[in-house]
């Protein structure tokens, strides 16, 4: 999808992007190879060509960090297919308080499609460890993480880095007109949770942490299981939402009807 994308260029929105597709300009190569494009002046096309050459170079080098800076957050979902083999899902739990009122992170879960890793406050949850783990990946998936998880972590762990495109499934769903929290979307998409944590929510996670602090290893195990479900299920949901977002752009229709 990313190499069909033109709204990542300054001054091109979705309407102009679709106009380009209708005219048979479906890929970066199509744009660069066109002698002229009527809706742009020669000078503007030259500047766009330079940007696309840079995009192609960075994509070939698989420099995800470049795209996290160059592409607006709203459109970073378009990079999921390119980097899906190097993607990590992230979800955090907290003690339920605002950071300015004593709030802190209790658990951070990471899942890359193969392994789930859990980092617990007081055990193995540090900036250095998180940065080392995150450095292995080129795309980040969260649910409402752009507004909550990532800012919370950045304030709690000074120096933590997220140098990759971010596919926030909450905002992707809203863009598609799908409402509700993670648990509702899991139900809608037919994603099942472990029976031991079915029906639990964020408030329960706070209570489990309090019980764990009081010495309950069972409560900590259950909290980790709860976080694991939150984190692992994002990987199932991501391709479903990606496919719907891609379909919503209309690019598949242009490709199917032989415009290119």
C-alpha atoms as a PDB file:
ATOM      1  CA  UNK A   1       0.000   0.000   0.000  1.00  0.00           C
ATOM      2  CA  UNK A   2       2.776   2.444   0.834  1.00  0.00           C
ATOM      3  CA  UNK A   3       4.086   2.517  -2.766  1.00  0.00           C
ATOM      4  CA  UNK A   4       0.582   3.404  -3.962  1.00  0.00           C
ATOM      5  CA  UNK A   5       0.437   6.306  -1.526  1.00  0.00           C
ATOM      6  CA  UNK A   6       0.676   9.959  -2.545  1.00  0.00           C
ATOM      7  CA  UNK A   7      -1.136  11.634   0.349  1.00  0.00           C
ATOM      8  CA  UNK A   8       2.097  11.224   2.287  1.00  0.00           C
ATOM      9  CA  UNK A   9       3.482  14.058   0.134  1.00  0.00           C
ATOM     10  CA  UNK A  10       3.061  17.626   1.363  1.00  0.00           C
ATOM     11  CA  UNK A  11       0.052  19.229  -0.274  1.00  0.00           C
ATOM     12  CA  UNK A  12      -1.593  16.045  -1.546  1.00  0.00           C
ATOM     13  CA  UNK A  13      -4.737  14.846   0.207  1.00  0.00           C
ATOM     14  CA  UNK A  14      -6.877  11.783  -0.334  1.00  0.00           C
ATOM     15  CA  UNK A  15      -8.927  13.439  -3.115  1.00  0.00           C
ATOM     16  CA  UNK A  16      -5.862  14.296  -5.170  1.00  0.00           C
ATOM     17  CA  UNK A  17      -4.453  10.862  -4.463  1.00  0.00           C
ATOM     18  CA  UNK A  18      -7.581   9.265  -5.910  1.00  0.00           C
ATOM     19  CA  UNK A  19      -7.449  11.614  -8.888  1.00  0.00           C
ATOM     20  CA  UNK A  20      -3.936  10.377  -9.601  1.00  0.00           C
ATOM     21  CA  UNK A  21      -5.134   6.783  -9.361  1.00  0.00           C
ATOM     22  CA  UNK A  22      -8.001   7.478 -11.766  1.00  0.00           C
ATOM     23  CA  UNK A  23      -5.493   8.838 -14.252  1.00  0.00           C
ATOM     24  CA  UNK A  24      -3.427   5.650 -14.033  1.00  0.00           C
ATOM     25  CA  UNK A  25      -0.751   6.963 -11.681  1.00  0.00           C
ATOM     26  CA  UNK A  26      -0.936   4.143  -9.164  1.00  0.00           C
ATOM     27  CA  UNK A  27       2.627   3.810  -7.924  1.00  0.00           C
ATOM     28  CA  UNK A  28       5.617   5.957  -7.114  1.00  0.00           C
ATOM     29  CA  UNK A  29       7.262   4.648 -10.299  1.00  0.00           C
ATOM     30  CA  UNK A  30       4.224   5.725 -12.326  1.00  0.00           C
ATOM     31  CA  UNK A  31       4.476   9.234 -10.917  1.00  0.00           C
ATOM     32  CA  UNK A  32       8.220   9.571 -11.422  1.00  0.00           C
ATOM     33  CA  UNK A  33       8.017   8.107 -14.926  1.00  0.00           C
ATOM     34  CA  UNK A  34       5.273  10.461 -16.129  1.00  0.00           C
ATOM     35  CA  UNK A  35       6.595  13.316 -18.285  1.00  0.00           C
ATOM     36  CA  UNK A  36       4.058  15.648 -16.747  1.00  0.00           C
ATOM     37  CA  UNK A  37       1.013  15.509 -14.509  1.00  0.00           C
ATOM     38  CA  UNK A  38      -1.529  18.171 -15.349  1.00  0.00           C
ATOM     39  CA  UNK A  39      -2.650  18.957 -11.825  1.00  0.00           C
ATOM     40  CA  UNK A  40       0.909  19.903 -10.822  1.00  0.00           C
ATOM     41  CA  UNK A  41       3.318  22.470 -12.235  1.00  0.00           C
ATOM     42  CA  UNK A  42       6.625  21.132 -13.626  1.00  0.00           C
ATOM     43  CA  UNK A  43       8.490  22.574 -10.643  1.00  0.00           C
ATOM     44  CA  UNK A  44       6.130  21.007  -8.133  1.00  0.00           C
ATOM     45  CA  UNK A  45       6.323  17.658  -9.896  1.00  0.00           C
ATOM     46  CA  UNK A  46      10.110  17.873  -9.788  1.00  0.00           C
ATOM     47  CA  UNK A  47       9.985  18.414  -6.020  1.00  0.00           C
ATOM     48  CA  UNK A  48       7.567  15.514  -5.607  1.00  0.00           C
ATOM     49  CA  UNK A  49       9.861  13.337  -7.721  1.00  0.00           C
ATOM     50  CA  UNK A  50      12.731  14.139  -5.362  1.00  0.00           C
ATOM     51  CA  UNK A  51      10.598  13.194  -2.358  1.00  0.00           C
ATOM     52  CA  UNK A  52       9.545   9.927  -3.970  1.00  0.00           C
ATOM     53  CA  UNK A  53      13.133   9.061  -4.892  1.00  0.00           C
ATOM     54  CA  UNK A  54      14.005   9.532  -1.224  1.00  0.00           C
ATOM     55  CA  UNK A  55      11.038   7.404  -0.158  1.00  0.00           C
ATOM     56  CA  UNK A  56      12.150   4.649  -2.510  1.00  0.00           C
ATOM     57  CA  UNK A  57      15.698   4.769  -1.214  1.00  0.00           C
ATOM     58  CA  UNK A  58      14.651   4.645   2.433  1.00  0.00           C
ATOM     59  CA  UNK A  59      12.138   1.876   1.743  1.00  0.00           C
ATOM     60  CA  UNK A  60      14.785  -0.193   0.009  1.00  0.00           C
ATOM     61  CA  UNK A  61      17.012   0.301   3.056  1.00  0.00           C
ATOM     62  CA  UNK A  62      14.036  -0.605   5.257  1.00  0.00           C
ATOM     63  CA  UNK A  63      14.606   2.542   7.277  1.00  0.00           C
ATOM     64  CA  UNK A  64      11.389   2.556   9.263  1.00  0.00           C
ATOM     65  CA  UNK A  65      12.565   5.465  11.367  1.00  0.00           C
ATOM     66  CA  UNK A  66      12.607   7.748   8.350  1.00  0.00           C
ATOM     67  CA  UNK A  67       8.959   7.003   7.628  1.00  0.00           C
ATOM     68  CA  UNK A  68       7.947   7.532  11.255  1.00  0.00           C
ATOM     69  CA  UNK A  69       9.236  11.094  10.849  1.00  0.00           C
ATOM     70  CA  UNK A  70       8.242  11.757   7.238  1.00  0.00           C
ATOM     71  CA  UNK A  71       4.706  10.325   7.227  1.00  0.00           C
ATOM     72  CA  UNK A  72       1.882  11.835   9.248  1.00  0.00           C
ATOM     73  CA  UNK A  73       0.695   9.579  12.082  1.00  0.00           C
ATOM     74  CA  UNK A  74      -2.752   9.373  10.472  1.00  0.00           C
ATOM     75  CA  UNK A  75      -1.270   7.618   7.431  1.00  0.00           C
ATOM     76  CA  UNK A  76       1.356   5.412   9.072  1.00  0.00           C
ATOM     77  CA  UNK A  77      -1.005   2.423   8.911  1.00  0.00           C
ATOM     78  CA  UNK A  78      -0.012   2.239   5.218  1.00  0.00           C
ATOM     79  CA  UNK A  79       3.388   0.874   6.279  1.00  0.00           C
ATOM     80  CA  UNK A  80       2.005  -2.126   8.172  1.00  0.00           C
ATOM     81  CA  UNK A  81       2.125  -4.516   5.220  1.00  0.00           C
ATOM     82  CA  UNK A  82       5.725  -3.552   4.452  1.00  0.00           C
ATOM     83  CA  UNK A  83       6.993  -4.081   7.986  1.00  0.00           C
ATOM     84  CA  UNK A  84       4.524  -6.651   9.321  1.00  0.00           C
ATOM     85  CA  UNK A  85       7.272  -9.242   9.771  1.00  0.00           C
ATOM     86  CA  UNK A  86       9.088  -6.826  12.071  1.00  0.00           C
ATOM     87  CA  UNK A  87       6.116  -5.540  14.029  1.00  0.00           C
ATOM     88  CA  UNK A  88       5.571  -5.478  17.765  1.00  0.00           C
ATOM     89  CA  UNK A  89       2.327  -5.033  19.702  1.00  0.00           C
ATOM     90  CA  UNK A  90       2.496  -3.078  22.949  1.00  0.00           C
ATOM     91  CA  UNK A  91       0.090  -2.693  25.864  1.00  0.00           C
ATOM     92  CA  UNK A  92       0.629  -1.318  29.345  1.00  0.00           C
ATOM     93  CA  UNK A  93      -1.086  -1.608  32.695  1.00  0.00           C
ATOM     94  CA  UNK A  94      -0.943   1.095  35.361  1.00  0.00           C
ATOM     95  CA  UNK A  95      -1.917   1.550  38.989  1.00  0.00           C
ATOM     96  CA  UNK A  96      -4.971   3.494  37.841  1.00  0.00           C
ATOM     97  CA  UNK A  97      -3.825   6.956  38.899  1.00  0.00           C
ATOM     98  CA  UNK A  98      -2.960   9.975  36.771  1.00  0.00           C
ATOM     99  CA  UNK A  99       0.779  10.441  36.468  1.00  0.00           C
ATOM    100  CA  UNK A 100       0.604  13.807  38.221  1.00  0.00           C
ATOM    101  CA  UNK A 101      -1.114  12.089  41.143  1.00  0.00           C
ATOM    102  CA  UNK A 102       1.223   9.173  41.672  1.00  0.00           C
ATOM    103  CA  UNK A 103       0.349   7.106  38.620  1.00  0.00           C
ATOM    104  CA  UNK A 104       2.929   4.648  37.319  1.00  0.00           C
ATOM    105  CA  UNK A 105       3.310   1.736  34.923  1.00  0.00           C
ATOM    106  CA  UNK A 106       2.928  -1.690  36.486  1.00  0.00           C
ATOM    107  CA  UNK A 107       3.271  -4.006  33.470  1.00  0.00           C
ATOM    108  CA  UNK A 108       4.391  -3.624  29.862  1.00  0.00           C
ATOM    109  CA  UNK A 109       3.596  -6.377  27.372  1.00  0.00           C
ATOM    110  CA  UNK A 110       5.258  -6.853  23.980  1.00  0.00           C
ATOM    111  CA  UNK A 111       4.267  -9.416  21.348  1.00  0.00           C
ATOM    112  CA  UNK A 112       5.840  -9.890  17.919  1.00  0.00           C
ATOM    113  CA  UNK A 113       3.653 -12.654  16.568  1.00  0.00           C
ATOM    114  CA  UNK A 114       5.808 -15.386  18.085  1.00  0.00           C
ATOM    115  CA  UNK A 115       6.826 -14.454  21.604  1.00  0.00           C
ATOM    116  CA  UNK A 116       5.102 -12.512  24.362  1.00  0.00           C
ATOM    117  CA  UNK A 117       7.408 -10.712  26.762  1.00  0.00           C
ATOM    118  CA  UNK A 118       6.299  -9.142  30.001  1.00  0.00           C
ATOM    119  CA  UNK A 119       8.082  -6.451  31.978  1.00  0.00           C
ATOM    120  CA  UNK A 120       6.970  -5.903  35.562  1.00  0.00           C
ATOM    121  CA  UNK A 121       7.621  -2.935  37.844  1.00  0.00           C
ATOM    122  CA  UNK A 122      10.292  -3.755  40.397  1.00  0.00           C
ATOM    123  CA  UNK A 123      11.545  -6.759  38.408  1.00  0.00           C
ATOM    124  CA  UNK A 124      12.659  -6.037  34.848  1.00  0.00           C
ATOM    125  CA  UNK A 125      10.905  -2.815  33.816  1.00  0.00           C
ATOM    126  CA  UNK A 126      13.525  -0.199  32.921  1.00  0.00           C
ATOM    127  CA  UNK A 127      14.178   2.290  30.136  1.00  0.00           C
ATOM    128  CA  UNK A 128      17.267   0.389  29.034  1.00  0.00           C
ATOM    129  CA  UNK A 129      15.467  -2.955  28.772  1.00  0.00           C
ATOM    130  CA  UNK A 130      12.471  -1.483  26.934  1.00  0.00           C
ATOM    131  CA  UNK A 131      14.676   0.402  24.466  1.00  0.00           C
ATOM    132  CA  UNK A 132      16.684  -2.743  23.767  1.00  0.00           C
ATOM    133  CA  UNK A 133      13.515  -4.717  23.048  1.00  0.00           C
ATOM    134  CA  UNK A 134      11.868  -1.995  20.942  1.00  0.00           C
ATOM    135  CA  UNK A 135      15.008  -1.539  18.844  1.00  0.00           C
ATOM    136  CA  UNK A 136      14.356  -4.970  17.290  1.00  0.00           C
ATOM    137  CA  UNK A 137      11.210  -3.787  15.494  1.00  0.00           C
ATOM    138  CA  UNK A 138      10.171  -1.515  12.642  1.00  0.00           C
ATOM    139  CA  UNK A 139       6.449  -1.034  13.319  1.00  0.00           C
ATOM    140  CA  UNK A 140       4.468  -0.491  16.523  1.00  0.00           C
ATOM    141  CA  UNK A 141       0.876  -1.598  17.085  1.00  0.00           C
ATOM    142  CA  UNK A 142      -1.243  -0.378  19.996  1.00  0.00           C
ATOM    143  CA  UNK A 143      -4.861   0.258  20.869  1.00  0.00           C
ATOM    144  CA  UNK A 144      -5.245   3.909  21.847  1.00  0.00           C
ATOM    145  CA  UNK A 145      -1.527   3.895  22.473  1.00  0.00           C
ATOM    146  CA  UNK A 146      -0.902   7.165  20.656  1.00  0.00           C
ATOM    147  CA  UNK A 147      -3.028   8.926  23.267  1.00  0.00           C
ATOM    148  CA  UNK A 148      -2.288   6.818  26.352  1.00  0.00           C
ATOM    149  CA  UNK A 149       0.352   4.069  26.370  1.00  0.00           C
ATOM    150  CA  UNK A 150       3.127   5.862  24.513  1.00  0.00           C
ATOM    151  CA  UNK A 151       2.803   9.265  26.269  1.00  0.00           C
ATOM    152  CA  UNK A 152       2.522   7.496  29.640  1.00  0.00           C
ATOM    153  CA  UNK A 153       5.690   5.526  28.961  1.00  0.00           C
ATOM    154  CA  UNK A 154       7.545   8.580  27.689  1.00  0.00           C
ATOM    155  CA  UNK A 155       6.794  10.447  30.880  1.00  0.00           C
ATOM    156  CA  UNK A 156       7.502   7.485  33.144  1.00  0.00           C
ATOM    157  CA  UNK A 157      10.714   6.388  31.428  1.00  0.00           C
ATOM    158  CA  UNK A 158      12.767   9.359  30.299  1.00  0.00           C
ATOM    159  CA  UNK A 159      14.734   8.453  27.210  1.00  0.00           C
ATOM    160  CA  UNK A 160      12.446   5.701  25.961  1.00  0.00           C
ATOM    161  CA  UNK A 161      12.392   5.656  22.167  1.00  0.00           C
ATOM    162  CA  UNK A 162       9.730   4.716  19.626  1.00  0.00           C
ATOM    163  CA  UNK A 163      11.609   5.249  16.340  1.00  0.00           C
ATOM    164  CA  UNK A 164       9.124   3.432  14.125  1.00  0.00           C
ATOM    165  CA  UNK A 165       5.755   3.942  12.406  1.00  0.00           C
ATOM    166  CA  UNK A 166       2.803   3.524  14.754  1.00  0.00           C
ATOM    167  CA  UNK A 167      -0.414   1.741  13.737  1.00  0.00           C
ATOM    168  CA  UNK A 168      -2.969   2.643  16.405  1.00  0.00           C
ATOM    169  CA  UNK A 169      -5.904   0.268  15.999  1.00  0.00           C
ATOM    170  CA  UNK A 170      -8.280   2.405  18.046  1.00  0.00           C
ATOM    171  CA  UNK A 171      -8.017   5.341  15.650  1.00  0.00           C
ATOM    172  CA  UNK A 172      -8.011   2.995  12.665  1.00  0.00           C
ATOM    173  CA  UNK A 173     -11.335   1.552  13.833  1.00  0.00           C
ATOM    174  CA  UNK A 174     -12.824   5.015  14.400  1.00  0.00           C
ATOM    175  CA  UNK A 175     -11.741   6.037  10.913  1.00  0.00           C
ATOM    176  CA  UNK A 176     -13.749   3.087   9.609  1.00  0.00           C
ATOM    177  CA  UNK A 177     -16.780   4.014  11.697  1.00  0.00           C
ATOM    178  CA  UNK A 178     -16.233   1.152  14.156  1.00  0.00           C
ATOM    179  CA  UNK A 179     -16.906   2.242  17.728  1.00  0.00           C
ATOM    180  CA  UNK A 180     -16.048   0.698  21.050  1.00  0.00           C
ATOM    181  CA  UNK A 181     -13.101  -0.342  23.170  1.00  0.00           C
ATOM    182  CA  UNK A 182     -10.699  -3.208  22.655  1.00  0.00           C
ATOM    183  CA  UNK A 183     -12.908  -5.835  24.298  1.00  0.00           C
ATOM    184  CA  UNK A 184     -15.902  -4.893  22.129  1.00  0.00           C
ATOM    185  CA  UNK A 185     -13.823  -5.008  18.967  1.00  0.00           C
ATOM    186  CA  UNK A 186     -12.406  -8.390  19.944  1.00  0.00           C
ATOM    187  CA  UNK A 187     -15.970  -9.662  20.242  1.00  0.00           C
ATOM    188  CA  UNK A 188     -16.979  -8.088  16.922  1.00  0.00           C
ATOM    189  CA  UNK A 189     -13.980  -9.648  15.157  1.00  0.00           C
ATOM    190  CA  UNK A 190     -14.473 -13.062  16.765  1.00  0.00           C
ATOM    191  CA  UNK A 191     -11.277 -12.939  18.822  1.00  0.00           C
ATOM    192  CA  UNK A 192     -11.418 -15.068  21.973  1.00  0.00           C
ATOM    193  CA  UNK A 193      -9.774 -14.391  25.337  1.00  0.00           C
ATOM    194  CA  UNK A 194      -8.377 -16.861  27.806  1.00  0.00           C
ATOM    195  CA  UNK A 195     -11.201 -18.000  30.067  1.00  0.00           C
ATOM    196  CA  UNK A 196      -9.310 -16.976  33.208  1.00  0.00           C
ATOM    197  CA  UNK A 197      -9.489 -13.284  32.255  1.00  0.00           C
ATOM    198  CA  UNK A 198     -12.728 -13.085  30.304  1.00  0.00           C
ATOM    199  CA  UNK A 199     -14.875 -10.188  31.474  1.00  0.00           C
ATOM    200  CA  UNK A 200     -12.030  -8.383  33.226  1.00  0.00           C
ATOM    201  CA  UNK A 201     -11.231  -4.753  32.479  1.00  0.00           C
ATOM    202  CA  UNK A 202      -8.722  -2.049  33.391  1.00  0.00           C
ATOM    203  CA  UNK A 203     -10.190  -1.572  36.864  1.00  0.00           C
ATOM    204  CA  UNK A 204      -9.679  -5.272  37.551  1.00  0.00           C
ATOM    205  CA  UNK A 205      -6.076  -4.906  36.392  1.00  0.00           C
ATOM    206  CA  UNK A 206      -5.549  -2.202  39.004  1.00  0.00           C
ATOM    207  CA  UNK A 207      -7.008  -4.431  41.726  1.00  0.00           C
ATOM    208  CA  UNK A 208      -4.844  -7.359  40.636  1.00  0.00           C
ATOM    209  CA  UNK A 209      -1.762  -5.170  40.923  1.00  0.00           C
ATOM    210  CA  UNK A 210      -2.759  -4.114  44.430  1.00  0.00           C
ATOM    211  CA  UNK A 211      -3.177  -7.773  45.388  1.00  0.00           C
ATOM    212  CA  UNK A 212       0.182  -8.602  43.797  1.00  0.00           C
ATOM    213  CA  UNK A 213       1.850  -5.834  45.824  1.00  0.00           C
ATOM    214  CA  UNK A 214       0.327  -7.394  48.927  1.00  0.00           C
ATOM    215  CA  UNK A 215       2.118 -10.631  48.106  1.00  0.00           C
ATOM    216  CA  UNK A 216      -0.292 -12.573  45.881  1.00  0.00           C
ATOM    217  CA  UNK A 217       1.670 -14.368  43.175  1.00  0.00           C
ATOM    218  CA  UNK A 218      -1.625 -15.684  41.820  1.00  0.00           C
ATOM    219  CA  UNK A 219      -2.878 -12.128  41.276  1.00  0.00           C
ATOM    220  CA  UNK A 220       0.340 -11.194  39.476  1.00  0.00           C
ATOM    221  CA  UNK A 221       0.082 -14.238  37.232  1.00  0.00           C
ATOM    222  CA  UNK A 222      -3.483 -13.320  36.395  1.00  0.00           C
ATOM    223  CA  UNK A 223      -2.526  -9.698  35.697  1.00  0.00           C
ATOM    224  CA  UNK A 224       0.190 -10.880  33.325  1.00  0.00           C
ATOM    225  CA  UNK A 225      -2.300 -13.182  31.615  1.00  0.00           C
ATOM    226  CA  UNK A 226      -4.713 -10.253  31.264  1.00  0.00           C
ATOM    227  CA  UNK A 227      -1.987  -8.102  29.725  1.00  0.00           C
ATOM    228  CA  UNK A 228      -0.955 -10.936  27.457  1.00  0.00           C
ATOM    229  CA  UNK A 229      -4.459 -11.163  26.021  1.00  0.00           C
ATOM    230  CA  UNK A 230      -4.588  -7.378  25.541  1.00  0.00           C
ATOM    231  CA  UNK A 231      -1.268  -7.476  23.703  1.00  0.00           C
ATOM    232  CA  UNK A 232      -1.441 -10.696  21.686  1.00  0.00           C
ATOM    233  CA  UNK A 233      -4.936 -10.010  20.386  1.00  0.00           C
ATOM    234  CA  UNK A 234      -3.747  -6.797  18.743  1.00  0.00           C
ATOM    235  CA  UNK A 235      -1.746  -8.882  16.284  1.00  0.00           C
ATOM    236  CA  UNK A 236      -4.909 -10.695  15.179  1.00  0.00           C
ATOM    237  CA  UNK A 237      -6.861  -7.481  14.811  1.00  0.00           C
ATOM    238  CA  UNK A 238      -4.213  -5.469  12.954  1.00  0.00           C
ATOM    239  CA  UNK A 239      -4.406  -7.197   9.538  1.00  0.00           C
ATOM    240  CA  UNK A 240      -8.213  -7.110   9.653  1.00  0.00           C
ATOM    241  CA  UNK A 241      -8.270  -3.357  10.188  1.00  0.00           C
ATOM    242  CA  UNK A 242      -5.440  -2.821   7.728  1.00  0.00           C
ATOM    243  CA  UNK A 243      -7.340  -4.666   5.001  1.00  0.00           C
ATOM    244  CA  UNK A 244     -10.463  -2.601   5.671  1.00  0.00           C
ATOM    245  CA  UNK A 245      -8.510   0.652   5.620  1.00  0.00           C
ATOM    246  CA  UNK A 246      -6.817  -0.332   2.373  1.00  0.00           C
ATOM    247  CA  UNK A 247     -10.173  -1.247   0.839  1.00  0.00           C
ATOM    248  CA  UNK A 248     -11.650   2.071   1.988  1.00  0.00           C
ATOM    249  CA  UNK A 249      -9.080   4.005  -0.061  1.00  0.00           C
ATOM    250  CA  UNK A 250     -10.378   2.456  -3.290  1.00  0.00           C
ATOM    251  CA  UNK A 251      -6.922   1.448  -4.550  1.00  0.00           C
ATOM    252  CA  UNK A 252      -7.973  -2.168  -5.060  1.00  0.00           C
ATOM    253  CA  UNK A 253     -10.767  -1.104  -7.407  1.00  0.00           C
ATOM    254  CA  UNK A 254      -8.360   0.873  -9.567  1.00  0.00           C
ATOM    255  CA  UNK A 255      -5.932  -2.025  -9.690  1.00  0.00           C
ATOM    256  CA  UNK A 256      -8.678  -4.555 -10.432  1.00  0.00           C
ATOM    257  CA  UNK A 257     -10.185  -2.627 -13.338  1.00  0.00           C
ATOM    258  CA  UNK A 258      -6.860  -2.420 -15.107  1.00  0.00           C
ATOM    259  CA  UNK A 259      -6.249   1.287 -14.815  1.00  0.00           C
ATOM    260  CA  UNK A 260      -2.547   0.714 -14.331  1.00  0.00           C
END
